[in-house]
Protein backbone atom coordinates (compact mmCIF):
# COMPACT_ATOMS: atom_id res chain seq x y z
CA MET A 1 141.55 20.50 21.97
CA VAL A 2 140.17 17.21 22.83
CA ASN A 3 142.43 14.74 24.41
CA ALA A 4 142.70 11.22 23.89
CA HIS A 5 140.96 10.19 27.06
CA ASP A 6 137.71 12.19 26.26
CA GLU A 7 137.82 10.76 22.58
CA PHE A 8 137.84 7.31 23.98
CA PHE A 9 134.86 7.77 26.25
CA SER A 10 132.90 9.73 23.59
CA SER A 11 133.57 6.67 21.13
CA HIS A 12 132.77 4.18 23.81
CA LYS A 13 129.52 6.07 24.62
CA LYS A 14 128.54 6.03 21.00
CA VAL A 15 129.09 2.33 20.76
CA MET A 16 127.18 1.71 23.96
CA ILE A 17 124.25 3.87 22.51
CA SER A 18 124.16 1.86 19.20
CA LEU A 19 124.35 -1.36 21.18
CA SER A 20 121.64 -0.36 23.41
CA GLY A 21 119.42 0.45 20.26
CA ILE A 22 120.26 -2.77 18.66
CA LEU A 23 119.29 -4.74 21.83
CA THR A 24 116.03 -2.59 22.18
CA PHE A 25 115.26 -3.29 18.50
CA ILE A 26 115.81 -7.08 19.11
CA ALA A 27 113.74 -6.92 22.09
CA ASN A 28 110.81 -5.17 20.23
CA ILE A 29 111.19 -7.83 17.47
CA LYS A 30 111.06 -10.54 19.94
CA LYS A 31 108.11 -8.93 21.79
CA ALA A 32 106.35 -8.50 18.34
CA TRP A 33 107.06 -12.07 17.18
CA THR A 34 105.65 -13.35 20.44
CA LEU A 35 102.52 -11.40 20.41
CA PHE A 36 102.08 -12.49 16.43
CA PHE A 37 102.91 -16.04 17.39
CA THR A 38 100.52 -16.05 20.54
CA GLY A 39 97.85 -14.11 18.71
CA GLY A 40 98.09 -16.47 15.88
CA ILE A 41 97.73 -19.46 18.23
CA ILE A 42 94.70 -17.77 19.84
CA TYR A 43 93.20 -16.97 16.48
CA TYR A 44 93.79 -20.54 15.08
CA LEU A 45 92.25 -21.88 18.57
CA ASN A 46 89.36 -19.76 18.10
CA ASP A 47 88.85 -20.66 14.48
CA PHE A 48 89.18 -24.41 15.60
CA CYS A 49 86.73 -24.03 18.41
CA THR A 50 84.11 -22.36 16.08
CA LYS A 51 84.41 -24.90 13.59
CA PHE A 52 84.38 -27.63 16.11
CA LYS A 53 81.09 -26.18 17.40
CA LYS A 54 79.73 -25.91 14.00
CA PHE A 55 80.87 -29.50 13.22
CA HIS A 56 79.28 -30.49 16.72
CA VAL A 57 76.07 -28.76 15.81
CA LEU A 58 76.02 -30.20 12.54
CA SER A 59 76.57 -33.72 13.54
CA GLY A 60 73.85 -33.28 15.98
CA PHE A 61 71.49 -32.07 13.53
CA ILE A 62 72.33 -34.87 11.22
CA LEU A 63 71.82 -37.39 13.92
CA MET A 64 68.50 -35.83 14.95
CA SER A 65 67.51 -35.84 11.12
CA SER A 66 68.35 -39.49 11.11
CA GLU A 67 66.38 -40.19 14.29
CA TYR A 68 63.46 -38.23 12.82
CA GLU A 69 63.54 -39.93 9.59
CA LYS A 70 63.57 -43.32 11.49
CA LYS A 71 60.66 -42.35 13.67
CA SER A 72 58.79 -40.92 10.57
CA GLU A 73 59.26 -44.24 8.65
CA ARG A 74 57.98 -46.20 11.87
CA LEU A 75 55.01 -43.97 11.87
CA ARG A 76 54.19 -44.32 8.35
CA ALA A 77 54.56 -47.99 8.56
CA GLU A 78 52.17 -47.99 11.49
CA ARG A 79 49.74 -45.77 9.66
CA VAL A 80 49.80 -48.19 6.56
CA ARG A 81 49.14 -51.16 8.83
CA ARG A 82 46.20 -49.53 10.69
CA GLU A 83 44.77 -48.28 7.36
CA GLU A 84 44.97 -51.80 5.85
CA GLU A 85 43.49 -53.30 9.04
CA ASN A 86 40.60 -50.89 8.97
CA PHE A 87 40.07 -51.36 5.38
CA TRP A 88 39.14 -54.98 5.92
CA ILE A 89 37.16 -54.18 9.06
CA TYR A 90 34.95 -51.90 6.87
CA ILE A 91 34.60 -54.48 4.15
CA LYS A 92 33.37 -56.91 6.87
CA GLN A 93 31.04 -54.21 8.23
CA LEU A 94 29.18 -53.73 5.10
CA LYS A 95 27.28 -56.92 5.95
CA ASP A 96 26.86 -55.87 9.64
CA ILE A 97 23.51 -56.26 11.01
CA GLY A 98 23.56 -52.72 12.36
CA ILE A 99 22.53 -50.03 9.62
CA SER A 100 24.68 -47.40 11.27
CA TYR A 101 27.61 -49.72 10.82
CA ARG A 102 26.95 -50.39 7.16
CA VAL A 103 26.40 -46.65 6.55
CA ARG A 104 29.80 -45.91 8.11
CA ALA A 105 31.64 -48.67 6.32
CA ALA A 106 30.25 -47.59 2.82
CA GLU A 107 31.32 -43.94 3.45
CA ALA A 108 34.66 -45.07 4.80
CA LEU A 109 35.42 -47.03 1.81
CA GLY A 110 34.58 -44.34 -0.61
CA ASN A 111 36.93 -41.95 1.56
CA TYR A 112 39.60 -44.43 1.26
CA GLY A 113 39.64 -44.60 -2.42
CA ASP A 114 41.18 -48.03 -2.53
CA PRO A 115 39.81 -49.64 -5.85
CA ARG A 116 39.80 -53.00 -3.98
CA ALA A 117 36.68 -51.84 -2.44
CA VAL A 118 34.75 -51.67 -5.75
CA PRO A 119 33.62 -55.44 -5.95
CA TYR A 120 32.36 -55.31 -2.27
CA LEU A 121 30.57 -52.08 -2.79
CA ILE A 122 28.94 -53.63 -6.00
CA GLU A 123 27.78 -56.51 -3.93
CA CYS A 124 26.40 -54.17 -1.42
CA ILE A 125 24.21 -52.15 -3.78
CA GLU A 126 23.01 -55.42 -5.25
CA ASN A 127 21.78 -56.81 -1.94
CA GLU A 128 21.23 -53.78 0.23
CA THR A 129 17.79 -53.19 1.46
CA ASP A 130 17.93 -50.05 3.29
CA SER A 131 17.69 -46.94 1.21
CA GLY A 132 20.17 -44.90 3.38
CA VAL A 133 22.75 -47.42 3.19
CA LEU A 134 22.24 -47.66 -0.57
CA TYR A 135 22.64 -43.93 -1.10
CA VAL A 136 25.92 -43.94 0.68
CA ALA A 137 27.23 -46.89 -1.07
CA VAL A 138 26.19 -45.28 -4.38
CA ASN A 139 27.98 -42.08 -3.61
CA SER A 140 31.05 -43.91 -2.69
CA ILE A 141 31.26 -46.15 -5.53
CA SER A 142 30.86 -43.06 -7.83
CA VAL A 143 34.45 -42.04 -6.71
CA PHE A 144 36.06 -44.82 -8.54
CA LYS A 145 34.33 -44.35 -12.05
CA ASP A 146 34.72 -48.13 -12.45
CA LYS A 147 32.88 -49.43 -15.64
CA ARG A 148 32.23 -52.50 -13.71
CA THR A 149 29.62 -50.48 -11.72
CA VAL A 150 27.52 -49.44 -14.78
CA ILE A 151 24.89 -52.36 -14.80
CA PRO A 152 24.46 -52.41 -10.88
CA LEU A 153 23.90 -48.48 -11.03
CA ILE A 154 21.50 -48.71 -13.91
CA SER A 155 19.42 -51.13 -11.96
CA LEU A 156 19.22 -48.49 -9.41
CA LEU A 157 17.70 -45.81 -11.56
CA LYS A 158 14.39 -48.05 -10.93
CA CYS A 159 14.65 -47.85 -7.30
CA ASP A 160 11.77 -46.20 -5.47
CA ASP A 161 13.87 -44.06 -3.37
CA LYS A 162 14.59 -40.75 -5.28
CA TRP A 163 17.78 -40.07 -3.63
CA VAL A 164 19.18 -43.37 -4.60
CA ARG A 165 17.92 -42.81 -8.30
CA ARG A 166 19.67 -39.43 -8.21
CA GLY A 167 22.77 -40.91 -6.68
CA ALA A 168 23.02 -43.60 -9.36
CA ALA A 169 22.37 -41.10 -12.10
CA LYS A 170 25.08 -39.03 -10.78
CA ALA A 171 27.49 -41.85 -10.67
CA LEU A 172 26.65 -42.94 -14.09
CA GLY A 173 27.26 -39.44 -15.28
CA ALA A 174 30.61 -39.44 -13.29
CA ILE A 175 31.85 -42.60 -15.14
CA GLY A 176 30.58 -40.88 -18.42
CA ASP A 177 31.10 -43.82 -20.66
CA LYS A 178 28.96 -44.17 -24.05
CA GLU A 179 28.43 -47.71 -22.87
CA CYS A 180 26.49 -46.10 -20.11
CA ILE A 181 24.36 -44.16 -22.58
CA GLY A 182 23.26 -47.36 -24.53
CA HIS A 183 21.82 -48.88 -21.30
CA ILE A 184 20.17 -45.43 -20.22
CA LEU A 185 18.43 -44.40 -23.38
CA PRO A 186 15.88 -47.07 -23.27
CA LEU A 187 14.94 -45.80 -19.89
CA LEU A 188 13.86 -42.56 -21.19
CA SER A 189 10.55 -44.13 -22.42
CA ASP A 190 10.08 -46.13 -19.41
CA SER A 191 6.46 -46.39 -17.95
CA ASN A 192 7.61 -44.94 -14.55
CA PRO A 193 8.00 -41.18 -14.77
CA LYS A 194 10.72 -41.47 -11.74
CA ILE A 195 12.80 -43.52 -14.03
CA ARG A 196 12.34 -41.45 -17.00
CA ALA A 197 13.51 -38.39 -14.84
CA SER A 198 16.55 -40.20 -13.54
CA ALA A 199 17.46 -41.26 -16.97
CA ALA A 200 17.30 -37.67 -18.21
CA GLU A 201 19.33 -36.43 -15.37
CA ALA A 202 22.18 -39.31 -15.99
CA ILE A 203 22.39 -38.38 -19.59
CA GLY A 204 22.68 -34.61 -18.85
CA LEU A 205 25.55 -35.42 -16.36
CA MET A 206 27.28 -37.24 -18.90
CA SER A 207 27.52 -34.22 -21.29
CA TYR A 208 27.20 -36.19 -24.52
CA TRP A 209 25.67 -33.38 -26.70
CA ASP A 210 24.99 -36.17 -29.42
CA PHE A 211 22.03 -37.27 -27.28
CA VAL A 212 20.19 -34.28 -26.52
CA ASP A 213 17.59 -35.07 -29.16
CA ASP A 214 16.67 -38.00 -27.18
CA VAL A 215 16.13 -36.00 -24.12
CA ILE A 216 14.18 -33.01 -25.78
CA PRO A 217 10.82 -34.89 -26.14
CA LEU A 218 10.82 -35.27 -22.29
CA LEU A 219 10.44 -31.45 -22.11
CA HIS A 220 6.71 -31.99 -22.93
CA ASP A 221 6.17 -35.11 -20.56
CA LEU A 222 2.89 -35.18 -18.69
CA ASP A 223 4.91 -35.54 -15.34
CA ALA A 224 6.38 -32.24 -13.93
CA ASP A 225 9.39 -34.08 -12.39
CA VAL A 226 10.35 -35.39 -15.72
CA ARG A 227 9.84 -32.11 -17.60
CA MET A 228 12.19 -30.66 -14.74
CA ALA A 229 15.00 -33.18 -15.13
CA ALA A 230 14.70 -33.08 -18.85
CA GLY A 231 15.06 -29.19 -18.75
CA LYS A 232 18.11 -29.47 -16.38
CA ALA A 233 19.65 -32.17 -18.93
CA VAL A 234 19.14 -30.19 -22.14
CA LYS A 235 20.82 -27.13 -20.42
CA MET A 236 23.81 -29.39 -19.57
CA LEU A 237 23.69 -30.56 -23.17
CA GLY A 238 23.96 -27.08 -24.81
CA ARG A 239 20.37 -26.51 -25.49
CA GLY A 240 19.44 -23.93 -22.69
CA ASP A 241 17.19 -21.96 -25.19
CA LEU A 242 14.69 -24.83 -25.06
CA ALA A 243 15.07 -25.34 -21.38
CA ASP A 244 14.22 -21.80 -20.74
CA LYS A 245 10.76 -22.36 -21.94
CA SER A 246 7.95 -23.26 -19.62
CA TYR A 247 6.95 -26.89 -19.98
CA ARG A 248 5.20 -26.95 -16.36
């Protein structure tokens, strides 16, 4: 039989055990909360640092991009300024006493492709005496396909230099306007065989098939160069069957 003293201590022990369990439970909750709270702070700190780094990198990139754009704009402005300056230098050099300078200037103006050069190139081919400069100027002026060049180019079909004549014919072909045809057709019957050949070549390059009948008679020309030019022209104008025959 359990006496009252033992029952008291047994009950007291159970209470102590229960209290100890509660305290342990509370301590575990406190520890877990501390770890959770601390971990959360660390997580958010890490997240903040990561985002800050990204923002810093992005800000740096934006700043660098802005500086790069400003630098690029300055370089573009400087390039435009130099090109404009060089353009007028080349215009001036078209009248230079040195042939090599005139050749380089004529070639450069064609490469520039600036239509402001057309009147100066026209003046050049109207007054130039050196065939080398003329040839380069004609090639450059053909880039623009400008109708203002038709008359000056037609006059070059009568040039003694065959390369200048061919260059003029090619330039007229590049323009490809029927107004050119009206000026060139009479040259097919010119007394100079070189001019007849150049005229035939020019009409062929224009690719106006309606005028093939005007070129066909030259296939029987007494001059071999005229027959050759006419043969190439009629091929371009869709009558290769006639060009394949020998007229040499």
